[in-house]
Amino acid sequence: MAIRSNLRVLHSLKEAKEGRRIPYREIVSNTRLTKAQVSRYMNNGIKLFHADTIESLCHYYKCKPGDIIVLENNGSAA
């Protein structure tokens, strides 16, 4: 099992709901995160999940922490 970021899915859902493309700069502007942070979450490059970052993303995407951070079964036997 692995913990991963589900932000790309949330982002796609928000774009579909709003009917427009949402650039990283808009997320950066509304969350006060850096473009690098947003990119790492979008591309599942996060190894350490900070509470304040998760909180900012939850406010922007109107979701709960469990919507951003998910436990994924990687298919390998334990």
PDB file of N, CA and C in Angstrom:
ATOM      1  N   MET A   1       0.837  -1.179   0.000  1.00  0.00           N
ATOM      2  CA  MET A   1       0.000   0.000   0.000  1.00  0.00           C
ATOM      3  C   MET A   1       0.882   1.242   0.000  1.00  0.00           C
ATOM      4  N   ALA A   2       0.348   2.308  -0.542  1.00  0.00           N
ATOM      5  CA  ALA A   2       1.093   3.559  -0.608  1.00  0.00           C
ATOM      6  C   ALA A   2       0.140   4.736  -0.386  1.00  0.00           C
ATOM      7  N   ILE A   3       0.645   5.748   0.261  1.00  0.00           N
ATOM      8  CA  ILE A   3      -0.105   6.991   0.423  1.00  0.00           C
ATOM      9  C   ILE A   3       0.249   7.885  -0.750  1.00  0.00           C
ATOM     10  N   ARG A   4      -0.752   8.470  -1.375  1.00  0.00           N
ATOM     11  CA  ARG A   4      -0.494   9.322  -2.526  1.00  0.00           C
ATOM     12  C   ARG A   4      -1.426  10.530  -2.521  1.00  0.00           C
ATOM     13  N   SER A   5      -1.074  11.493  -3.327  1.00  0.00           N
ATOM     14  CA  SER A   5      -1.879  12.692  -3.503  1.00  0.00           C
ATOM     15  C   SER A   5      -2.917  12.441  -4.596  1.00  0.00           C
ATOM     16  N   ASN A   6      -4.137  12.829  -4.324  1.00  0.00           N
ATOM     17  CA  ASN A   6      -5.242  12.692  -5.263  1.00  0.00           C
ATOM     18  C   ASN A   6      -5.624  14.057  -5.852  1.00  0.00           C
ATOM     19  N   LEU A   7      -4.728  15.031  -5.749  1.00  0.00           N
ATOM     20  CA  LEU A   7      -5.060  16.395  -6.140  1.00  0.00           C
ATOM     21  C   LEU A   7      -5.369  16.527  -7.625  1.00  0.00           C
ATOM     22  N   ARG A   8      -4.697  15.782  -8.460  1.00  0.00           N
ATOM     23  CA  ARG A   8      -4.959  15.881  -9.903  1.00  0.00           C
ATOM     24  C   ARG A   8      -6.427  15.542 -10.203  1.00  0.00           C
ATOM     25  N   VAL A   9      -6.971  14.541  -9.535  1.00  0.00           N
ATOM     26  CA  VAL A   9      -8.372  14.157  -9.738  1.00  0.00           C
ATOM     27  C   VAL A   9      -9.294  15.273  -9.249  1.00  0.00           C
ATOM     28  N   LEU A  10      -9.016  15.801  -8.050  1.00  0.00           N
ATOM     29  CA  LEU A  10      -9.828  16.899  -7.524  1.00  0.00           C
ATOM     30  C   LEU A  10      -9.781  18.111  -8.449  1.00  0.00           C
ATOM     31  N   HIS A  11      -8.609  18.382  -8.988  1.00  0.00           N
ATOM     32  CA  HIS A  11      -8.436  19.515  -9.892  1.00  0.00           C
ATOM     33  C   HIS A  11      -9.254  19.316 -11.167  1.00  0.00           C
ATOM     34  N   SER A  12      -9.206  18.128 -11.723  1.00  0.00           N
ATOM     35  CA  SER A  12      -9.984  17.830 -12.936  1.00  0.00           C
ATOM     36  C   SER A  12     -11.486  17.974 -12.684  1.00  0.00           C
ATOM     37  N   LEU A  13     -11.929  17.521 -11.521  1.00  0.00           N
ATOM     38  CA  LEU A  13     -13.349  17.645 -11.168  1.00  0.00           C
ATOM     39  C   LEU A  13     -13.754  19.108 -11.030  1.00  0.00           C
ATOM     40  N   LYS A  14     -12.891  19.922 -10.417  1.00  0.00           N
ATOM     41  CA  LYS A  14     -13.175  21.354 -10.264  1.00  0.00           C
ATOM     42  C   LYS A  14     -13.227  22.034 -11.634  1.00  0.00           C
ATOM     43  N   GLU A  15     -12.299  21.684 -12.517  1.00  0.00           N
ATOM     44  CA  GLU A  15     -12.310  22.262 -13.863  1.00  0.00           C
ATOM     45  C   GLU A  15     -13.593  21.888 -14.599  1.00  0.00           C
ATOM     46  N   ALA A  16     -13.989  20.637 -14.489  1.00  0.00           N
ATOM     47  CA  ALA A  16     -15.214  20.185 -15.165  1.00  0.00           C
ATOM     48  C   ALA A  16     -16.443  20.894 -14.603  1.00  0.00           C
ATOM     49  N   LYS A  17     -16.501  21.020 -13.293  1.00  0.00           N
ATOM     50  CA  LYS A  17     -17.632  21.668 -12.645  1.00  0.00           C
ATOM     51  C   LYS A  17     -17.736  23.138 -13.056  1.00  0.00           C
ATOM     52  N   GLU A  18     -16.589  23.816 -13.137  1.00  0.00           N
ATOM     53  CA  GLU A  18     -16.582  25.228 -13.488  1.00  0.00           C
ATOM     54  C   GLU A  18     -16.543  25.471 -14.998  1.00  0.00           C
ATOM     55  N   GLY A  19     -16.308  24.411 -15.757  1.00  0.00           N
ATOM     56  CA  GLY A  19     -16.299  24.522 -17.211  1.00  0.00           C
ATOM     57  C   GLY A  19     -15.162  25.360 -17.764  1.00  0.00           C
ATOM     58  N   ARG A  20     -14.008  25.290 -17.117  1.00  0.00           N
ATOM     59  CA  ARG A  20     -12.850  26.068 -17.570  1.00  0.00           C
ATOM     60  C   ARG A  20     -11.570  25.418 -17.086  1.00  0.00           C
ATOM     61  N   ARG A  21     -10.481  25.796 -17.750  1.00  0.00           N
ATOM     62  CA  ARG A  21      -9.152  25.341 -17.341  1.00  0.00           C
ATOM     63  C   ARG A  21      -8.683  26.225 -16.185  1.00  0.00           C
ATOM     64  N   ILE A  22      -8.134  25.629 -15.141  1.00  0.00           N
ATOM     65  CA  ILE A  22      -7.644  26.382 -13.989  1.00  0.00           C
ATOM     66  C   ILE A  22      -6.124  26.248 -13.939  1.00  0.00           C
ATOM     67  N   PRO A  23      -5.398  27.313 -14.224  1.00  0.00           N
ATOM     68  CA  PRO A  23      -3.930  27.250 -14.229  1.00  0.00           C
ATOM     69  C   PRO A  23      -3.348  27.215 -12.809  1.00  0.00           C
ATOM     70  N   TYR A  24      -2.132  26.693 -12.705  1.00  0.00           N
ATOM     71  CA  TYR A  24      -1.448  26.622 -11.411  1.00  0.00           C
ATOM     72  C   TYR A  24      -1.358  27.998 -10.767  1.00  0.00           C
ATOM     73  N   ARG A  25      -1.147  29.044 -11.563  1.00  0.00           N
ATOM     74  CA  ARG A  25      -0.978  30.383 -10.980  1.00  0.00           C
ATOM     75  C   ARG A  25      -2.221  30.815 -10.217  1.00  0.00           C
ATOM     76  N   GLU A  26      -3.388  30.360 -10.628  1.00  0.00           N
ATOM     77  CA  GLU A  26      -4.622  30.682  -9.905  1.00  0.00           C
ATOM     78  C   GLU A  26      -4.650  29.964  -8.556  1.00  0.00           C
ATOM     79  N   ILE A  27      -4.221  28.719  -8.544  1.00  0.00           N
ATOM     80  CA  ILE A  27      -4.168  27.957  -7.291  1.00  0.00           C
ATOM     81  C   ILE A  27      -3.164  28.615  -6.341  1.00  0.00           C
ATOM     82  N   VAL A  28      -1.996  28.962  -6.867  1.00  0.00           N
ATOM     83  CA  VAL A  28      -0.951  29.621  -6.087  1.00  0.00           C
ATOM     84  C   VAL A  28      -1.492  30.915  -5.473  1.00  0.00           C
ATOM     85  N   SER A  29      -2.171  31.696  -6.266  1.00  0.00           N
ATOM     86  CA  SER A  29      -2.718  32.975  -5.818  1.00  0.00           C
ATOM     87  C   SER A  29      -3.759  32.803  -4.711  1.00  0.00           C
ATOM     88  N   ASN A  30      -4.566  31.755  -4.806  1.00  0.00           N
ATOM     89  CA  ASN A  30      -5.647  31.543  -3.846  1.00  0.00           C
ATOM     90  C   ASN A  30      -5.250  30.750  -2.613  1.00  0.00           C
ATOM     91  N   THR A  31      -4.141  30.053  -2.666  1.00  0.00           N
ATOM     92  CA  THR A  31      -3.737  29.211  -1.531  1.00  0.00           C
ATOM     93  C   THR A  31      -2.483  29.710  -0.824  1.00  0.00           C
ATOM     94  N   ARG A  32      -1.735  30.600  -1.462  1.00  0.00           N
ATOM     95  CA  ARG A  32      -0.450  31.089  -0.953  1.00  0.00           C
ATOM     96  C   ARG A  32       0.603  29.976  -0.894  1.00  0.00           C
ATOM     97  N   LEU A  33       0.407  28.941  -1.692  1.00  0.00           N
ATOM     98  CA  LEU A  33       1.417  27.894  -1.832  1.00  0.00           C
ATOM     99  C   LEU A  33       2.314  28.294  -2.991  1.00  0.00           C
ATOM    100  N   THR A  34       3.453  27.632  -3.115  1.00  0.00           N
ATOM    101  CA  THR A  34       4.331  27.911  -4.243  1.00  0.00           C
ATOM    102  C   THR A  34       3.908  27.048  -5.434  1.00  0.00           C
ATOM    103  N   LYS A  35       4.334  27.457  -6.621  1.00  0.00           N
ATOM    104  CA  LYS A  35       4.042  26.669  -7.820  1.00  0.00           C
ATOM    105  C   LYS A  35       4.661  25.282  -7.691  1.00  0.00           C
ATOM    106  N   ALA A  36       5.849  25.204  -7.082  1.00  0.00           N
ATOM    107  CA  ALA A  36       6.516  23.904  -6.892  1.00  0.00           C
ATOM    108  C   ALA A  36       5.694  22.993  -5.982  1.00  0.00           C
ATOM    109  N   GLN A  37       5.121  23.551  -4.916  1.00  0.00           N
ATOM    110  CA  GLN A  37       4.292  22.737  -4.020  1.00  0.00           C
ATOM    111  C   GLN A  37       3.069  22.200  -4.757  1.00  0.00           C
ATOM    112  N   VAL A  38       2.401  23.074  -5.475  1.00  0.00           N
ATOM    113  CA  VAL A  38       1.213  22.666  -6.229  1.00  0.00           C
ATOM    114  C   VAL A  38       1.585  21.585  -7.238  1.00  0.00           C
ATOM    115  N   SER A  39       2.685  21.782  -7.941  1.00  0.00           N
ATOM    116  CA  SER A  39       3.130  20.814  -8.927  1.00  0.00           C
ATOM    117  C   SER A  39       3.428  19.452  -8.296  1.00  0.00           C
ATOM    118  N   ARG A  40       4.092  19.447  -7.153  1.00  0.00           N
ATOM    119  CA  ARG A  40       4.399  18.176  -6.476  1.00  0.00           C
ATOM    120  C   ARG A  40       3.124  17.448  -6.064  1.00  0.00           C
ATOM    121  N   TYR A  41       2.140  18.182  -5.559  1.00  0.00           N
ATOM    122  CA  TYR A  41       0.876  17.546  -5.192  1.00  0.00           C
ATOM    123  C   TYR A  41       0.142  17.035  -6.431  1.00  0.00           C
ATOM    124  N   MET A  42       0.155  17.792  -7.494  1.00  0.00           N
ATOM    125  CA  MET A  42      -0.517  17.377  -8.729  1.00  0.00           C
ATOM    126  C   MET A  42       0.120  16.127  -9.331  1.00  0.00           C
ATOM    127  N   ASN A  43       1.429  16.022  -9.213  1.00  0.00           N
ATOM    128  CA  ASN A  43       2.165  14.922  -9.835  1.00  0.00           C
ATOM    129  C   ASN A  43       2.559  13.826  -8.860  1.00  0.00           C
ATOM    130  N   ASN A  44       1.922  13.826  -7.694  1.00  0.00           N
ATOM    131  CA  ASN A  44       2.160  12.810  -6.666  1.00  0.00           C
ATOM    132  C   ASN A  44       3.640  12.720  -6.284  1.00  0.00           C
ATOM    133  N   GLY A  45       4.284  13.854  -6.171  1.00  0.00           N
ATOM    134  CA  GLY A  45       5.696  13.890  -5.800  1.00  0.00           C
ATOM    135  C   GLY A  45       5.913  14.247  -4.340  1.00  0.00           C
ATOM    136  N   ILE A  46       4.902  14.111  -3.524  1.00  0.00           N
ATOM    137  CA  ILE A  46       4.979  14.494  -2.109  1.00  0.00           C
ATOM    138  C   ILE A  46       5.334  13.277  -1.266  1.00  0.00           C
ATOM    139  N   LYS A  47       6.312  13.460  -0.401  1.00  0.00           N
ATOM    140  CA  LYS A  47       6.690  12.402   0.546  1.00  0.00           C
ATOM    141  C   LYS A  47       6.326  12.779   1.969  1.00  0.00           C
ATOM    142  N   LEU A  48       6.171  14.089   2.218  1.00  0.00           N
ATOM    143  CA  LEU A  48       5.838  14.603   3.545  1.00  0.00           C
ATOM    144  C   LEU A  48       4.658  15.550   3.384  1.00  0.00           C
ATOM    145  N   PHE A  49       3.535  15.216   3.993  1.00  0.00           N
ATOM    146  CA  PHE A  49       2.320  16.005   3.867  1.00  0.00           C
ATOM    147  C   PHE A  49       2.207  16.952   5.055  1.00  0.00           C
ATOM    148  N   HIS A  50       2.265  18.256   4.794  1.00  0.00           N
ATOM    149  CA  HIS A  50       2.192  19.264   5.847  1.00  0.00           C
ATOM    150  C   HIS A  50       0.743  19.677   6.070  1.00  0.00           C
ATOM    151  N   ALA A  51       0.339  19.764   7.325  1.00  0.00           N
ATOM    152  CA  ALA A  51      -1.043  20.084   7.673  1.00  0.00           C
ATOM    153  C   ALA A  51      -1.489  21.427   7.115  1.00  0.00           C
ATOM    154  N   ASP A  52      -0.632  22.446   7.186  1.00  0.00           N
ATOM    155  CA  ASP A  52      -1.040  23.766   6.694  1.00  0.00           C
ATOM    156  C   ASP A  52      -1.232  23.768   5.175  1.00  0.00           C
ATOM    157  N   THR A  53      -0.455  22.976   4.471  1.00  0.00           N
ATOM    158  CA  THR A  53      -0.611  22.867   3.015  1.00  0.00           C
ATOM    159  C   THR A  53      -1.920  22.157   2.684  1.00  0.00           C
ATOM    160  N   ILE A  54      -2.182  21.057   3.374  1.00  0.00           N
ATOM    161  CA  ILE A  54      -3.426  20.306   3.166  1.00  0.00           C
ATOM    162  C   ILE A  54      -4.624  21.196   3.477  1.00  0.00           C
ATOM    163  N   GLU A  55      -4.525  21.966   4.556  1.00  0.00           N
ATOM    164  CA  GLU A  55      -5.612  22.868   4.939  1.00  0.00           C
ATOM    165  C   GLU A  55      -5.888  23.900   3.836  1.00  0.00           C
ATOM    166  N   SER A  56      -4.844  24.494   3.288  1.00  0.00           N
ATOM    167  CA  SER A  56      -5.001  25.473   2.209  1.00  0.00           C
ATOM    168  C   SER A  56      -5.665  24.851   0.987  1.00  0.00           C
ATOM    169  N   LEU A  57      -5.222  23.659   0.630  1.00  0.00           N
ATOM    170  CA  LEU A  57      -5.810  22.975  -0.521  1.00  0.00           C
ATOM    171  C   LEU A  57      -7.267  22.600  -0.258  1.00  0.00           C
ATOM    172  N   CYS A  58      -7.572  22.186   0.965  1.00  0.00           N
ATOM    173  CA  CYS A  58      -8.958  21.841   1.319  1.00  0.00           C
ATOM    174  C   CYS A  58      -9.872  23.058   1.188  1.00  0.00           C
ATOM    175  N   HIS A  59      -9.404  24.206   1.627  1.00  0.00           N
ATOM    176  CA  HIS A  59     -10.209  25.423   1.496  1.00  0.00           C
ATOM    177  C   HIS A  59     -10.440  25.755   0.020  1.00  0.00           C
ATOM    178  N   TYR A  60      -9.404  25.654  -0.780  1.00  0.00           N
ATOM    179  CA  TYR A  60      -9.530  25.999  -2.196  1.00  0.00           C
ATOM    180  C   TYR A  60     -10.443  25.021  -2.943  1.00  0.00           C
ATOM    181  N   TYR A  61     -10.256  23.725  -2.698  1.00  0.00           N
ATOM    182  CA  TYR A  61     -11.027  22.714  -3.419  1.00  0.00           C
ATOM    183  C   TYR A  61     -12.330  22.336  -2.723  1.00  0.00           C
ATOM    184  N   LYS A  62     -12.578  22.943  -1.541  1.00  0.00           N
ATOM    185  CA  LYS A  62     -13.790  22.664  -0.771  1.00  0.00           C
ATOM    186  C   LYS A  62     -13.946  21.152  -0.547  1.00  0.00           C
ATOM    187  N   CYS A  63     -12.909  20.596   0.069  1.00  0.00           N
ATOM    188  CA  CYS A  63     -12.889  19.157   0.305  1.00  0.00           C
ATOM    189  C   CYS A  63     -12.341  18.868   1.700  1.00  0.00           C
ATOM    190  N   LYS A  64     -12.193  17.599   2.006  1.00  0.00           N
ATOM    191  CA  LYS A  64     -11.633  17.147   3.278  1.00  0.00           C
ATOM    192  C   LYS A  64     -10.236  16.584   3.021  1.00  0.00           C
ATOM    193  N   PRO A  65      -9.390  16.530   4.059  1.00  0.00           N
ATOM    194  CA  PRO A  65      -8.031  15.991   3.875  1.00  0.00           C
ATOM    195  C   PRO A  65      -8.006  14.605   3.231  1.00  0.00           C
ATOM    196  N   GLY A  66      -8.975  13.766   3.574  1.00  0.00           N
ATOM    197  CA  GLY A  66      -9.040  12.421   3.007  1.00  0.00           C
ATOM    198  C   GLY A  66      -9.350  12.392   1.523  1.00  0.00           C
ATOM    199  N   ASP A  67      -9.792  13.530   0.984  1.00  0.00           N
ATOM    200  CA  ASP A  67     -10.013  13.620  -0.460  1.00  0.00           C
ATOM    201  C   ASP A  67      -8.708  13.889  -1.196  1.00  0.00           C
ATOM    202  N   ILE A  68      -7.741  14.494  -0.500  1.00  0.00           N
ATOM    203  CA  ILE A  68      -6.455  14.836  -1.098  1.00  0.00           C
ATOM    204  C   ILE A  68      -5.441  13.713  -0.886  1.00  0.00           C
ATOM    205  N   ILE A  69      -5.411  13.172   0.323  1.00  0.00           N
ATOM    206  CA  ILE A  69      -4.458  12.117   0.664  1.00  0.00           C
ATOM    207  C   ILE A  69      -5.210  10.795   0.685  1.00  0.00           C
ATOM    208  N   VAL A  70      -4.800   9.864  -0.161  1.00  0.00           N
ATOM    209  CA  VAL A  70      -5.477   8.573  -0.238  1.00  0.00           C
ATOM    210  C   VAL A  70      -4.491   7.431  -0.070  1.00  0.00           C
ATOM    211  N   LEU A  71      -4.991   6.338   0.466  1.00  0.00           N
ATOM    212  CA  LEU A  71      -4.201   5.124   0.614  1.00  0.00           C
ATOM    213  C   LEU A  71      -4.518   4.222  -0.566  1.00  0.00           C
ATOM    214  N   GLU A  72      -3.505   3.900  -1.328  1.00  0.00           N
ATOM    215  CA  GLU A  72      -3.690   3.138  -2.568  1.00  0.00           C
ATOM    216  C   GLU A  72      -3.059   1.763  -2.423  1.00  0.00           C
ATOM    217  N   ASN A  73      -3.780   0.737  -2.822  1.00  0.00           N
ATOM    218  CA  ASN A  73      -3.240  -0.608  -2.852  1.00  0.00           C
ATOM    219  C   ASN A  73      -2.440  -0.744  -4.140  1.00  0.00           C
ATOM    220  N   ASN A  74      -1.122  -0.992  -3.996  1.00  0.00           N
ATOM    221  CA  ASN A  74      -0.270  -1.039  -5.191  1.00  0.00           C
ATOM    222  C   ASN A  74      -0.242  -2.412  -5.859  1.00  0.00           C
ATOM    223  N   GLY A  75      -1.049  -3.357  -5.354  1.00  0.00           N
ATOM    224  CA  GLY A  75      -1.178  -4.633  -6.016  1.00  0.00           C
ATOM    225  C   GLY A  75      -0.143  -5.681  -5.640  1.00  0.00           C
ATOM    226  N   SER A  76       0.844  -5.312  -4.829  1.00  0.00           N
ATOM    227  CA  SER A  76       1.857  -6.293  -4.447  1.00  0.00           C
ATOM    228  C   SER A  76       1.427  -7.025  -3.173  1.00  0.00           C
ATOM    229  N   ALA A  77       1.859  -8.252  -3.053  1.00  0.00           N
ATOM    230  CA  ALA A  77       1.521  -9.052  -1.869  1.00  0.00           C
ATOM    231  C   ALA A  77       2.359  -8.611  -0.684  1.00  0.00           C
ATOM    232  N   ALA A  78       1.748  -8.630   0.481  1.00  0.00           N
ATOM    233  CA  ALA A  78       2.461  -8.210   1.703  1.00  0.00           C
ATOM    234  C   ALA A  78       3.199  -9.360   2.315  1.00  0.00           C
TER     235      ALA A  78
END
